[in-house]
């Protein structure tokens, strides 16, 4: 249902975006086929399977109206890029200051290209340990899936109502 909804609304969106492994949802819907896209490094190999041109070196990728961001922390960067694009650079800078986004990580290992071999290896092991296999995902309780779908559809209905409301 989510993939069908994405396919239906995408032709009418000004932008279609994703953060982290959300690019895989866009890919599963066929929205990044033949397009450049990025995602979390652990999800990157799957993008190619859906016909996307994976860009693992990029934190933010814009291909037409489709914007994708790498891991979850790249979501703020994506938001600022979009604000600059839709508004202007100064407005994006004001937003950055308003949220006091001044990243100062204690380490410079935030991308696979920068991380030491030991850190990369451990991160891969940890991601594998935490990963949910396709079989486990199917085995999730149906009630949980129904609840998530209900919440998503309420948001969609509310947004549609807001869009249809005058002024």
C-alpha atoms as a PDB file:
ATOM      1  CA  UNK A   1       0.000   0.000   0.000  1.00  0.00           C
ATOM      2  CA  UNK A   2       2.842   2.410   0.843  1.00  0.00           C
ATOM      3  CA  UNK A   3       4.644   1.720  -2.427  1.00  0.00           C
ATOM      4  CA  UNK A   4       1.449   2.184  -4.434  1.00  0.00           C
ATOM      5  CA  UNK A   5       0.786   5.447  -2.594  1.00  0.00           C
ATOM      6  CA  UNK A   6       4.308   6.710  -3.340  1.00  0.00           C
ATOM      7  CA  UNK A   7       3.911   5.843  -7.027  1.00  0.00           C
ATOM      8  CA  UNK A   8       0.585   7.686  -7.109  1.00  0.00           C
ATOM      9  CA  UNK A   9       1.720  10.885  -5.385  1.00  0.00           C
ATOM     10  CA  UNK A  10       5.227  11.175  -6.828  1.00  0.00           C
ATOM     11  CA  UNK A  11       4.102  12.647 -10.184  1.00  0.00           C
ATOM     12  CA  UNK A  12       2.385  15.448  -8.251  1.00  0.00           C
ATOM     13  CA  UNK A  13       5.070  16.261  -5.680  1.00  0.00           C
ATOM     14  CA  UNK A  14       7.373  19.229  -5.869  1.00  0.00           C
ATOM     15  CA  UNK A  15      10.075  17.109  -4.210  1.00  0.00           C
ATOM     16  CA  UNK A  16      10.289  13.469  -3.256  1.00  0.00           C
ATOM     17  CA  UNK A  17      12.862  12.862  -0.541  1.00  0.00           C
ATOM     18  CA  UNK A  18      14.291  10.209   1.723  1.00  0.00           C
ATOM     19  CA  UNK A  19      16.694   9.973   4.612  1.00  0.00           C
ATOM     20  CA  UNK A  20      18.838   6.972   5.509  1.00  0.00           C
ATOM     21  CA  UNK A  21      17.453   3.630   4.349  1.00  0.00           C
ATOM     22  CA  UNK A  22      14.249   5.361   3.272  1.00  0.00           C
ATOM     23  CA  UNK A  23      15.890   5.452  -0.157  1.00  0.00           C
ATOM     24  CA  UNK A  24      15.153   1.725  -0.317  1.00  0.00           C
ATOM     25  CA  UNK A  25      11.443   2.477  -0.002  1.00  0.00           C
ATOM     26  CA  UNK A  26      11.694   4.934  -2.883  1.00  0.00           C
ATOM     27  CA  UNK A  27      13.690   2.311  -4.780  1.00  0.00           C
ATOM     28  CA  UNK A  28      11.141  -0.419  -4.108  1.00  0.00           C
ATOM     29  CA  UNK A  29       8.482   1.922  -5.492  1.00  0.00           C
ATOM     30  CA  UNK A  30      10.597   2.364  -8.631  1.00  0.00           C
ATOM     31  CA  UNK A  31      11.186   6.068  -8.006  1.00  0.00           C
ATOM     32  CA  UNK A  32      14.990   5.991  -8.155  1.00  0.00           C
ATOM     33  CA  UNK A  33      15.400   3.541 -11.016  1.00  0.00           C
ATOM     34  CA  UNK A  34      18.013   5.028 -13.337  1.00  0.00           C
ATOM     35  CA  UNK A  35      18.623   7.899 -10.888  1.00  0.00           C
ATOM     36  CA  UNK A  36      21.559   8.728  -8.677  1.00  0.00           C
ATOM     37  CA  UNK A  37      20.761   8.123  -5.004  1.00  0.00           C
ATOM     38  CA  UNK A  38      22.406   7.691  -1.633  1.00  0.00           C
ATOM     39  CA  UNK A  39      21.434   5.941   1.561  1.00  0.00           C
ATOM     40  CA  UNK A  40      22.931   4.600   4.759  1.00  0.00           C
ATOM     41  CA  UNK A  41      26.120   2.694   3.889  1.00  0.00           C
ATOM     42  CA  UNK A  42      24.603  -0.604   5.035  1.00  0.00           C
ATOM     43  CA  UNK A  43      21.703  -0.172   2.611  1.00  0.00           C
ATOM     44  CA  UNK A  44      23.820   1.042  -0.288  1.00  0.00           C
ATOM     45  CA  UNK A  45      24.338  -2.349  -1.991  1.00  0.00           C
ATOM     46  CA  UNK A  46      20.569  -2.812  -2.241  1.00  0.00           C
ATOM     47  CA  UNK A  47      20.020   0.436  -4.151  1.00  0.00           C
ATOM     48  CA  UNK A  48      21.753  -0.999  -7.196  1.00  0.00           C
ATOM     49  CA  UNK A  49      19.474  -4.039  -7.130  1.00  0.00           C
ATOM     50  CA  UNK A  50      16.540  -1.683  -7.670  1.00  0.00           C
ATOM     51  CA  UNK A  51      18.251  -0.019 -10.636  1.00  0.00           C
ATOM     52  CA  UNK A  52      19.473   3.098  -8.850  1.00  0.00           C
ATOM     53  CA  UNK A  53      22.900   4.589  -9.455  1.00  0.00           C
ATOM     54  CA  UNK A  54      24.278   4.260  -5.923  1.00  0.00           C
ATOM     55  CA  UNK A  55      26.420   7.170  -4.748  1.00  0.00           C
ATOM     56  CA  UNK A  56      28.052   5.915  -1.521  1.00  0.00           C
ATOM     57  CA  UNK A  57      30.487   8.833  -1.433  1.00  0.00           C
ATOM     58  CA  UNK A  58      27.702  11.418  -1.278  1.00  0.00           C
ATOM     59  CA  UNK A  59      25.899  12.634   1.831  1.00  0.00           C
ATOM     60  CA  UNK A  60      23.131  14.321  -0.198  1.00  0.00           C
ATOM     61  CA  UNK A  61      22.135  13.439  -3.763  1.00  0.00           C
ATOM     62  CA  UNK A  62      19.702  15.404  -5.892  1.00  0.00           C
ATOM     63  CA  UNK A  63      18.532  13.882  -9.137  1.00  0.00           C
ATOM     64  CA  UNK A  64      15.742  15.981 -10.551  1.00  0.00           C
ATOM     65  CA  UNK A  65      13.080  16.352  -7.899  1.00  0.00           C
ATOM     66  CA  UNK A  66      14.272  13.278  -6.007  1.00  0.00           C
ATOM     67  CA  UNK A  67      16.611  14.059  -3.102  1.00  0.00           C
ATOM     68  CA  UNK A  68      18.183  11.348  -0.970  1.00  0.00           C
ATOM     69  CA  UNK A  69      20.316  11.651   2.146  1.00  0.00           C
ATOM     70  CA  UNK A  70      22.780   9.216   3.681  1.00  0.00           C
ATOM     71  CA  UNK A  71      22.425   8.132   7.331  1.00  0.00           C
ATOM     72  CA  UNK A  72      19.940   9.657   9.731  1.00  0.00           C
ATOM     73  CA  UNK A  73      22.215  12.557  10.719  1.00  0.00           C
ATOM     74  CA  UNK A  74      22.252  13.657   7.071  1.00  0.00           C
ATOM     75  CA  UNK A  75      18.559  14.480   7.417  1.00  0.00           C
ATOM     76  CA  UNK A  76      19.351  17.890   8.887  1.00  0.00           C
ATOM     77  CA  UNK A  77      21.788  18.587   6.058  1.00  0.00           C
ATOM     78  CA  UNK A  78      19.112  17.582   3.562  1.00  0.00           C
ATOM     79  CA  UNK A  79      16.568  19.879   5.196  1.00  0.00           C
ATOM     80  CA  UNK A  80      18.961  22.823   4.961  1.00  0.00           C
ATOM     81  CA  UNK A  81      19.762  22.071   1.310  1.00  0.00           C
ATOM     82  CA  UNK A  82      16.041  21.945   0.523  1.00  0.00           C
ATOM     83  CA  UNK A  83      15.389  25.181   2.436  1.00  0.00           C
ATOM     84  CA  UNK A  84      18.122  26.904   0.428  1.00  0.00           C
ATOM     85  CA  UNK A  85      16.675  25.525  -2.801  1.00  0.00           C
ATOM     86  CA  UNK A  86      13.042  26.389  -2.065  1.00  0.00           C
ATOM     87  CA  UNK A  87      13.708  29.682  -0.283  1.00  0.00           C
ATOM     88  CA  UNK A  88      17.243  31.075  -0.439  1.00  0.00           C
ATOM     89  CA  UNK A  89      20.643  30.609   1.187  1.00  0.00           C
ATOM     90  CA  UNK A  90      20.054  33.245   3.842  1.00  0.00           C
ATOM     91  CA  UNK A  91      16.775  31.645   4.933  1.00  0.00           C
ATOM     92  CA  UNK A  92      18.521  28.282   5.204  1.00  0.00           C
ATOM     93  CA  UNK A  93      21.269  29.898   7.267  1.00  0.00           C
ATOM     94  CA  UNK A  94      18.655  31.449   9.550  1.00  0.00           C
ATOM     95  CA  UNK A  95      17.051  28.027   9.993  1.00  0.00           C
ATOM     96  CA  UNK A  96      20.433  26.512  10.762  1.00  0.00           C
ATOM     97  CA  UNK A  97      20.987  29.112  13.468  1.00  0.00           C
ATOM     98  CA  UNK A  98      17.448  28.711  14.822  1.00  0.00           C
ATOM     99  CA  UNK A  99      18.031  24.994  15.411  1.00  0.00           C
ATOM    100  CA  UNK A 100      21.621  25.684  16.500  1.00  0.00           C
ATOM    101  CA  UNK A 101      22.958  23.119  14.085  1.00  0.00           C
ATOM    102  CA  UNK A 102      26.696  23.383  14.580  1.00  0.00           C
ATOM    103  CA  UNK A 103      28.015  19.833  14.334  1.00  0.00           C
ATOM    104  CA  UNK A 104      31.264  19.237  16.129  1.00  0.00           C
ATOM    105  CA  UNK A 105      31.675  15.478  16.339  1.00  0.00           C
ATOM    106  CA  UNK A 106      34.403  14.259  18.671  1.00  0.00           C
ATOM    107  CA  UNK A 107      35.730  11.939  15.955  1.00  0.00           C
ATOM    108  CA  UNK A 108      36.130  12.108  12.193  1.00  0.00           C
ATOM    109  CA  UNK A 109      34.792   8.629  11.434  1.00  0.00           C
ATOM    110  CA  UNK A 110      31.331   9.597  10.182  1.00  0.00           C
ATOM    111  CA  UNK A 111      31.751   8.140   6.689  1.00  0.00           C
ATOM    112  CA  UNK A 112      33.131   4.821   5.502  1.00  0.00           C
ATOM    113  CA  UNK A 113      35.813   6.639   3.520  1.00  0.00           C
ATOM    114  CA  UNK A 114      37.126   8.256   6.728  1.00  0.00           C
ATOM    115  CA  UNK A 115      36.783   5.412   9.209  1.00  0.00           C
ATOM    116  CA  UNK A 116      39.692   3.220  10.191  1.00  0.00           C
ATOM    117  CA  UNK A 117      39.611  -0.415   9.050  1.00  0.00           C
ATOM    118  CA  UNK A 118      38.947  -1.493  12.643  1.00  0.00           C
ATOM    119  CA  UNK A 119      35.990   0.867  13.048  1.00  0.00           C
ATOM    120  CA  UNK A 120      34.555  -0.107   9.639  1.00  0.00           C
ATOM    121  CA  UNK A 121      34.845  -3.798  10.505  1.00  0.00           C
ATOM    122  CA  UNK A 122      33.182  -3.399  13.899  1.00  0.00           C
ATOM    123  CA  UNK A 123      30.421  -1.211  12.448  1.00  0.00           C
ATOM    124  CA  UNK A 124      29.670  -3.856   9.814  1.00  0.00           C
ATOM    125  CA  UNK A 125      29.528  -6.564  12.510  1.00  0.00           C
ATOM    126  CA  UNK A 126      27.217  -4.451  14.676  1.00  0.00           C
ATOM    127  CA  UNK A 127      24.931  -3.630  11.738  1.00  0.00           C
ATOM    128  CA  UNK A 128      24.765  -7.310  10.799  1.00  0.00           C
ATOM    129  CA  UNK A 129      23.928  -8.195  14.389  1.00  0.00           C
ATOM    130  CA  UNK A 130      21.129  -5.624  14.508  1.00  0.00           C
ATOM    131  CA  UNK A 131      19.823  -6.206  10.995  1.00  0.00           C
ATOM    132  CA  UNK A 132      16.353  -7.536  10.512  1.00  0.00           C
ATOM    133  CA  UNK A 133      16.362 -10.193   7.839  1.00  0.00           C
ATOM    134  CA  UNK A 134      13.568 -10.348   5.310  1.00  0.00           C
ATOM    135  CA  UNK A 135      12.240 -13.460   7.026  1.00  0.00           C
ATOM    136  CA  UNK A 136      12.176 -11.753  10.420  1.00  0.00           C
ATOM    137  CA  UNK A 137      10.419  -8.753   8.917  1.00  0.00           C
ATOM    138  CA  UNK A 138       7.687 -10.987   7.526  1.00  0.00           C
ATOM    139  CA  UNK A 139       7.352 -12.619  10.934  1.00  0.00           C
ATOM    140  CA  UNK A 140       6.658  -9.303  12.690  1.00  0.00           C
ATOM    141  CA  UNK A 141       3.330  -9.395  14.481  1.00  0.00           C
ATOM    142  CA  UNK A 142       0.549  -8.428  12.123  1.00  0.00           C
ATOM    143  CA  UNK A 143      -0.865  -6.128  14.795  1.00  0.00           C
ATOM    144  CA  UNK A 144       2.334  -4.061  14.748  1.00  0.00           C
ATOM    145  CA  UNK A 145       2.225  -3.776  10.965  1.00  0.00           C
ATOM    146  CA  UNK A 146      -1.468  -2.839  11.082  1.00  0.00           C
ATOM    147  CA  UNK A 147      -0.781  -0.206  13.742  1.00  0.00           C
ATOM    148  CA  UNK A 148       2.035   1.358  11.715  1.00  0.00           C
ATOM    149  CA  UNK A 149      -0.154   1.374   8.607  1.00  0.00           C
ATOM    150  CA  UNK A 150      -3.055   2.931  10.544  1.00  0.00           C
ATOM    151  CA  UNK A 151      -0.820   5.725  11.845  1.00  0.00           C
ATOM    152  CA  UNK A 152       0.632   6.366   8.391  1.00  0.00           C
ATOM    153  CA  UNK A 153      -2.797   6.477   6.768  1.00  0.00           C
ATOM    154  CA  UNK A 154      -4.114   8.896   9.436  1.00  0.00           C
ATOM    155  CA  UNK A 155      -1.207  11.197   8.642  1.00  0.00           C
ATOM    156  CA  UNK A 156      -1.907  10.902   4.910  1.00  0.00           C
ATOM    157  CA  UNK A 157      -5.630  11.639   5.404  1.00  0.00           C
ATOM    158  CA  UNK A 158      -4.824  14.606   7.660  1.00  0.00           C
ATOM    159  CA  UNK A 159      -2.347  15.960   5.084  1.00  0.00           C
ATOM    160  CA  UNK A 160      -4.850  15.515   2.264  1.00  0.00           C
ATOM    161  CA  UNK A 161      -7.450  17.357   4.331  1.00  0.00           C
ATOM    162  CA  UNK A 162      -4.987  20.146   5.097  1.00  0.00           C
ATOM    163  CA  UNK A 163      -4.119  20.434   1.438  1.00  0.00           C
ATOM    164  CA  UNK A 164      -7.783  20.566   0.453  1.00  0.00           C
ATOM    165  CA  UNK A 165      -8.719  23.101   3.132  1.00  0.00           C
ATOM    166  CA  UNK A 166      -9.037  26.685   1.921  1.00  0.00           C
ATOM    167  CA  UNK A 167      -6.402  29.275   2.818  1.00  0.00           C
END
